[in-house]
Amino acid sequence: MNEPKVIDLIEKARECYEKAIELLSQGDYHDVAEKAWNAIEYMRKAFLIALNIPYEKAKTVSQGLVLFSDILRKLERKEILRIYDQLMLKLHILGFYEQITPPDEIDELIRITTRYFISQMEDIINKIKGIDLSQAAKFIDKMAKIKSDIVAKSAELYEVRQSYIAYIERALAKISKQKE
């Protein structure tokens, strides 16, 4: 499979955004919220691809979102992360899945906040062109492996502790029987 190109992901983001704007006039706020969220996610992926992060990592939450957050923090663009989090909550979770974000708020989030997010992300992508952070994906893999090892060792530790407690209980049970 070919890696998507940054320009193609940005174009898909624009298409999704335009579709969301079009659907606003039809009052389909459920679909509108998801179309806008798709636009946001395409921009997140485009940003990571622009930094030579493999698409297989960029598209994930467990790795791609971690990279997105860490890199934007280092770029001192925390306001973009706050906007991303706001849009994830209000559009994706509460707007699409729970369907409880009020229509007027969805409208504002799309017309103003999502448009601003896309514009800012395009500016950031233009500024980071030529920077290669592909090695960061290898660090993410290494951290995931270490986390996996820790979980496995935690389970092993739990089992050893259970055996230890059972051993003590069996040994002390002999004392209880002697008292009877």
C-alpha atoms as a PDB file:
ATOM      1  CA  MET A   1       0.000   0.000   0.000  1.00  0.00           C
ATOM      2  CA  ASN A   2       1.304   3.439  -0.912  1.00  0.00           C
ATOM      3  CA  GLU A   3       1.654   6.004   1.827  1.00  0.00           C
ATOM      4  CA  PRO A   4      -0.888   8.801   1.446  1.00  0.00           C
ATOM      5  CA  LYS A   5       0.613  12.132   0.450  1.00  0.00           C
ATOM      6  CA  VAL A   6       0.301  15.181   2.668  1.00  0.00           C
ATOM      7  CA  ILE A   7      -1.438  17.158  -0.054  1.00  0.00           C
ATOM      8  CA  ASP A   8      -3.989  14.364  -0.554  1.00  0.00           C
ATOM      9  CA  LEU A   9      -4.804  14.226   3.160  1.00  0.00           C
ATOM     10  CA  ILE A  10      -5.206  18.003   3.283  1.00  0.00           C
ATOM     11  CA  GLU A  11      -7.492  17.824   0.245  1.00  0.00           C
ATOM     12  CA  LYS A  12      -9.585  15.126   1.946  1.00  0.00           C
ATOM     13  CA  ALA A  13      -9.785  17.325   5.036  1.00  0.00           C
ATOM     14  CA  ARG A  14     -11.052  20.225   2.942  1.00  0.00           C
ATOM     15  CA  GLU A  15     -13.602  17.982   1.196  1.00  0.00           C
ATOM     16  CA  CYS A  16     -14.921  16.680   4.517  1.00  0.00           C
ATOM     17  CA  TYR A  17     -15.100  20.204   5.890  1.00  0.00           C
ATOM     18  CA  GLU A  18     -16.992  21.467   2.850  1.00  0.00           C
ATOM     19  CA  LYS A  19     -19.379  18.516   3.100  1.00  0.00           C
ATOM     20  CA  ALA A  20     -19.955  19.352   6.785  1.00  0.00           C
ATOM     21  CA  ILE A  21     -20.745  22.973   5.870  1.00  0.00           C
ATOM     22  CA  GLU A  22     -23.140  21.768   3.161  1.00  0.00           C
ATOM     23  CA  LEU A  23     -24.901  19.394   5.580  1.00  0.00           C
ATOM     24  CA  LEU A  24     -25.326  22.154   8.175  1.00  0.00           C
ATOM     25  CA  SER A  25     -27.995  23.739   6.011  1.00  0.00           C
ATOM     26  CA  GLN A  26     -29.846  20.399   5.927  1.00  0.00           C
ATOM     27  CA  GLY A  27     -29.910  20.113   9.714  1.00  0.00           C
ATOM     28  CA  ASP A  28     -28.208  16.710   9.833  1.00  0.00           C
ATOM     29  CA  TYR A  29     -26.086  17.562  12.874  1.00  0.00           C
ATOM     30  CA  HIS A  30     -25.165  13.957  13.580  1.00  0.00           C
ATOM     31  CA  ASP A  31     -23.515  13.487  10.184  1.00  0.00           C
ATOM     32  CA  VAL A  32     -22.183  17.050  10.214  1.00  0.00           C
ATOM     33  CA  ALA A  33     -20.279  16.395  13.436  1.00  0.00           C
ATOM     34  CA  GLU A  34     -18.642  13.292  12.022  1.00  0.00           C
ATOM     35  CA  LYS A  35     -17.726  14.921   8.696  1.00  0.00           C
ATOM     36  CA  ALA A  36     -16.069  17.780  10.564  1.00  0.00           C
ATOM     37  CA  TRP A  37     -14.266  15.322  12.825  1.00  0.00           C
ATOM     38  CA  ASN A  38     -12.999  13.432   9.758  1.00  0.00           C
ATOM     39  CA  ALA A  39     -11.573  16.714   8.451  1.00  0.00           C
ATOM     40  CA  ILE A  40      -9.764  17.263  11.740  1.00  0.00           C
ATOM     41  CA  GLU A  41      -8.346  13.745  11.726  1.00  0.00           C
ATOM     42  CA  TYR A  42      -7.134  14.086   8.133  1.00  0.00           C
ATOM     43  CA  MET A  43      -5.230  17.203   9.202  1.00  0.00           C
ATOM     44  CA  ARG A  44      -3.689  15.385  12.178  1.00  0.00           C
ATOM     45  CA  LYS A  45      -2.521  12.600   9.888  1.00  0.00           C
ATOM     46  CA  ALA A  46      -1.244  15.049   7.245  1.00  0.00           C
ATOM     47  CA  PHE A  47       0.832  16.776   9.920  1.00  0.00           C
ATOM     48  CA  LEU A  48       2.461  13.508  10.962  1.00  0.00           C
ATOM     49  CA  ILE A  49       3.018  12.327   7.392  1.00  0.00           C
ATOM     50  CA  ALA A  50       4.700  15.688   6.668  1.00  0.00           C
ATOM     51  CA  LEU A  51       7.194  14.767   9.410  1.00  0.00           C
ATOM     52  CA  ASN A  52       7.842  11.351   7.789  1.00  0.00           C
ATOM     53  CA  ILE A  53       5.891   9.407  10.384  1.00  0.00           C
ATOM     54  CA  PRO A  54       4.610   6.241   8.649  1.00  0.00           C
ATOM     55  CA  TYR A  55       0.886   6.350   7.932  1.00  0.00           C
ATOM     56  CA  GLU A  56       0.359   3.077   9.832  1.00  0.00           C
ATOM     57  CA  LYS A  57       1.458   4.915  12.982  1.00  0.00           C
ATOM     58  CA  ALA A  58      -0.050   8.300  12.114  1.00  0.00           C
ATOM     59  CA  LYS A  59      -3.558   6.903  11.748  1.00  0.00           C
ATOM     60  CA  THR A  60      -3.631   5.356  15.226  1.00  0.00           C
ATOM     61  CA  VAL A  61      -4.711   6.895  18.483  1.00  0.00           C
ATOM     62  CA  SER A  62      -2.257   4.885  20.584  1.00  0.00           C
ATOM     63  CA  GLN A  63       0.752   6.066  18.607  1.00  0.00           C
ATOM     64  CA  GLY A  64      -0.329   8.810  16.214  1.00  0.00           C
ATOM     65  CA  LEU A  65      -2.159  10.877  18.782  1.00  0.00           C
ATOM     66  CA  VAL A  66       0.769  10.579  21.197  1.00  0.00           C
ATOM     67  CA  LEU A  67       3.171  11.809  18.514  1.00  0.00           C
ATOM     68  CA  PHE A  68       0.777  14.594  17.462  1.00  0.00           C
ATOM     69  CA  SER A  69       0.444  15.820  21.046  1.00  0.00           C
ATOM     70  CA  ASP A  70       4.125  15.578  21.924  1.00  0.00           C
ATOM     71  CA  ILE A  71       5.285  17.305  18.744  1.00  0.00           C
ATOM     72  CA  LEU A  72       2.781  20.156  19.012  1.00  0.00           C
ATOM     73  CA  ARG A  73       3.802  20.687  22.644  1.00  0.00           C
ATOM     74  CA  LYS A  74       7.445  20.937  21.587  1.00  0.00           C
ATOM     75  CA  LEU A  75       6.424  23.391  18.861  1.00  0.00           C
ATOM     76  CA  GLU A  76       4.721  25.428  21.619  1.00  0.00           C
ATOM     77  CA  ARG A  77       1.329  25.040  19.946  1.00  0.00           C
ATOM     78  CA  LYS A  78      -0.633  23.874  22.980  1.00  0.00           C
ATOM     79  CA  GLU A  79      -3.631  25.956  21.920  1.00  0.00           C
ATOM     80  CA  ILE A  80      -3.997  23.682  18.889  1.00  0.00           C
ATOM     81  CA  LEU A  81      -4.079  20.677  21.218  1.00  0.00           C
ATOM     82  CA  ARG A  82      -6.751  22.350  23.354  1.00  0.00           C
ATOM     83  CA  ILE A  83      -8.813  22.974  20.232  1.00  0.00           C
ATOM     84  CA  TYR A  84      -8.268  19.394  19.069  1.00  0.00           C
ATOM     85  CA  ASP A  85      -9.414  18.093  22.468  1.00  0.00           C
ATOM     86  CA  GLN A  86     -12.436  20.404  22.458  1.00  0.00           C
ATOM     87  CA  LEU A  87     -13.434  19.243  18.983  1.00  0.00           C
ATOM     88  CA  MET A  88     -12.888  15.589  19.892  1.00  0.00           C
ATOM     89  CA  LEU A  89     -15.193  15.971  22.867  1.00  0.00           C
ATOM     90  CA  LYS A  90     -17.865  18.277  21.452  1.00  0.00           C
ATOM     91  CA  LEU A  91     -18.028  17.028  17.851  1.00  0.00           C
ATOM     92  CA  HIS A  92     -16.842  13.447  17.879  1.00  0.00           C
ATOM     93  CA  ILE A  93     -17.898  12.113  21.264  1.00  0.00           C
ATOM     94  CA  LEU A  94     -20.805  14.307  22.331  1.00  0.00           C
ATOM     95  CA  GLY A  95     -21.876  15.403  18.851  1.00  0.00           C
ATOM     96  CA  PHE A  96     -21.618  12.199  16.873  1.00  0.00           C
ATOM     97  CA  TYR A  97     -21.677   9.319  19.353  1.00  0.00           C
ATOM     98  CA  GLU A  98     -23.822  10.738  22.142  1.00  0.00           C
ATOM     99  CA  GLN A  99     -25.740  13.268  20.019  1.00  0.00           C
ATOM    100  CA  ILE A 100     -26.038  15.720  22.899  1.00  0.00           C
ATOM    101  CA  THR A 101     -24.055  18.717  21.677  1.00  0.00           C
ATOM    102  CA  PRO A 102     -26.694  21.328  20.822  1.00  0.00           C
ATOM    103  CA  PRO A 103     -27.081  22.128  17.104  1.00  0.00           C
ATOM    104  CA  ASP A 104     -26.144  25.798  17.532  1.00  0.00           C
ATOM    105  CA  GLU A 105     -22.923  24.771  19.270  1.00  0.00           C
ATOM    106  CA  ILE A 106     -22.107  22.253  16.522  1.00  0.00           C
ATOM    107  CA  ASP A 107     -22.710  24.975  13.958  1.00  0.00           C
ATOM    108  CA  GLU A 108     -20.314  27.349  15.732  1.00  0.00           C
ATOM    109  CA  LEU A 109     -17.711  24.643  16.317  1.00  0.00           C
ATOM    110  CA  ILE A 110     -17.689  23.821  12.631  1.00  0.00           C
ATOM    111  CA  ARG A 111     -17.927  27.279  11.104  1.00  0.00           C
ATOM    112  CA  ILE A 112     -15.404  28.884  13.438  1.00  0.00           C
ATOM    113  CA  THR A 113     -13.342  26.418  15.480  1.00  0.00           C
ATOM    114  CA  THR A 114     -12.894  23.646  12.917  1.00  0.00           C
ATOM    115  CA  ARG A 115     -12.087  26.146  10.171  1.00  0.00           C
ATOM    116  CA  TYR A 116      -9.524  27.787  12.463  1.00  0.00           C
ATOM    117  CA  PHE A 117      -8.006  24.390  13.367  1.00  0.00           C
ATOM    118  CA  ILE A 118      -7.639  23.393   9.706  1.00  0.00           C
ATOM    119  CA  SER A 119      -6.105  26.752   8.810  1.00  0.00           C
ATOM    120  CA  GLN A 120      -3.637  26.621  11.689  1.00  0.00           C
ATOM    121  CA  MET A 121      -2.667  23.051  10.885  1.00  0.00           C
ATOM    122  CA  GLU A 122      -1.990  24.008   7.263  1.00  0.00           C
ATOM    123  CA  ASP A 123       0.285  26.805   8.477  1.00  0.00           C
ATOM    124  CA  ILE A 124       2.116  24.462  10.838  1.00  0.00           C
ATOM    125  CA  ILE A 125       2.519  21.829   8.116  1.00  0.00           C
ATOM    126  CA  ASN A 126       4.048  24.448   5.816  1.00  0.00           C
ATOM    127  CA  LYS A 127       6.526  25.439   8.546  1.00  0.00           C
ATOM    128  CA  ILE A 128       7.654  21.900   9.403  1.00  0.00           C
ATOM    129  CA  LYS A 129       8.228  20.739   5.821  1.00  0.00           C
ATOM    130  CA  GLY A 130      11.603  19.095   5.472  1.00  0.00           C
ATOM    131  CA  ILE A 131      11.863  17.969   9.091  1.00  0.00           C
ATOM    132  CA  ASP A 132      12.254  14.222   9.424  1.00  0.00           C
ATOM    133  CA  LEU A 133      10.919  12.748  12.656  1.00  0.00           C
ATOM    134  CA  SER A 134      10.671   9.173  11.393  1.00  0.00           C
ATOM    135  CA  GLN A 135      12.960   8.052  14.226  1.00  0.00           C
ATOM    136  CA  ALA A 136      10.245   9.162  16.685  1.00  0.00           C
ATOM    137  CA  ALA A 137       8.082   6.295  15.427  1.00  0.00           C
ATOM    138  CA  LYS A 138      10.847   3.877  16.421  1.00  0.00           C
ATOM    139  CA  PHE A 139      10.909   5.362  19.906  1.00  0.00           C
ATOM    140  CA  ILE A 140       7.128   4.925  20.111  1.00  0.00           C
ATOM    141  CA  ASP A 141       7.553   1.252  19.166  1.00  0.00           C
ATOM    142  CA  LYS A 142      10.251   0.803  21.785  1.00  0.00           C
ATOM    143  CA  MET A 143       8.076   2.433  24.469  1.00  0.00           C
ATOM    144  CA  ALA A 144       5.148   0.181  23.501  1.00  0.00           C
ATOM    145  CA  LYS A 145       7.393  -2.880  23.839  1.00  0.00           C
ATOM    146  CA  ILE A 146       8.584  -1.757  27.271  1.00  0.00           C
ATOM    147  CA  LYS A 147       4.976  -1.118  28.373  1.00  0.00           C
ATOM    148  CA  SER A 148       4.050  -4.597  27.178  1.00  0.00           C
ATOM    149  CA  ASP A 149       6.965  -6.075  29.120  1.00  0.00           C
ATOM    150  CA  ILE A 150       5.917  -4.147  32.228  1.00  0.00           C
ATOM    151  CA  VAL A 151       2.354  -5.454  31.954  1.00  0.00           C
ATOM    152  CA  ALA A 152       3.650  -9.004  31.538  1.00  0.00           C
ATOM    153  CA  LYS A 153       5.974  -8.614  34.517  1.00  0.00           C
ATOM    154  CA  SER A 154       3.145  -7.081  36.567  1.00  0.00           C
ATOM    155  CA  ALA A 155       1.026 -10.142  35.874  1.00  0.00           C
ATOM    156  CA  GLU A 156       3.963 -12.379  36.774  1.00  0.00           C
ATOM    157  CA  LEU A 157       4.514 -10.399  39.972  1.00  0.00           C
ATOM    158  CA  TYR A 158       0.838 -10.766  40.857  1.00  0.00           C
ATOM    159  CA  GLU A 159       1.027 -14.546  40.407  1.00  0.00           C
ATOM    160  CA  VAL A 160       4.166 -14.805  42.546  1.00  0.00           C
ATOM    161  CA  ARG A 161       2.534 -12.648  45.226  1.00  0.00           C
ATOM    162  CA  GLN A 162      -0.561 -14.872  45.195  1.00  0.00           C
ATOM    163  CA  SER A 163       1.653 -17.972  45.605  1.00  0.00           C
ATOM    164  CA  TYR A 164       3.528 -16.249  48.408  1.00  0.00           C
ATOM    165  CA  ILE A 165       0.311 -15.370  50.280  1.00  0.00           C
ATOM    166  CA  ALA A 166      -1.072 -18.894  49.745  1.00  0.00           C
ATOM    167  CA  TYR A 167       2.181 -20.360  51.098  1.00  0.00           C
ATOM    168  CA  ILE A 168       1.984 -18.216  54.247  1.00  0.00           C
ATOM    169  CA  GLU A 169      -1.679 -19.095  54.736  1.00  0.00           C
ATOM    170  CA  ARG A 170      -0.957 -22.846  54.399  1.00  0.00           C
ATOM    171  CA  ALA A 171       1.942 -22.638  56.845  1.00  0.00           C
ATOM    172  CA  LEU A 172      -0.093 -20.670  59.386  1.00  0.00           C
ATOM    173  CA  ALA A 173      -3.055 -23.021  58.973  1.00  0.00           C
ATOM    174  CA  LYS A 174      -0.933 -25.725  60.672  1.00  0.00           C
ATOM    175  CA  ILE A 175      -0.678 -23.529  63.771  1.00  0.00           C
ATOM    176  CA  SER A 176      -4.466 -23.075  63.865  1.00  0.00           C
ATOM    177  CA  LYS A 177      -4.967 -26.842  63.662  1.00  0.00           C
ATOM    178  CA  GLN A 178      -2.499 -27.449  66.533  1.00  0.00           C
ATOM    179  CA  LYS A 179      -4.496 -25.108  68.794  1.00  0.00           C
ATOM    180  CA  GLU A 180      -7.684 -27.112  68.277  1.00  0.00           C
END
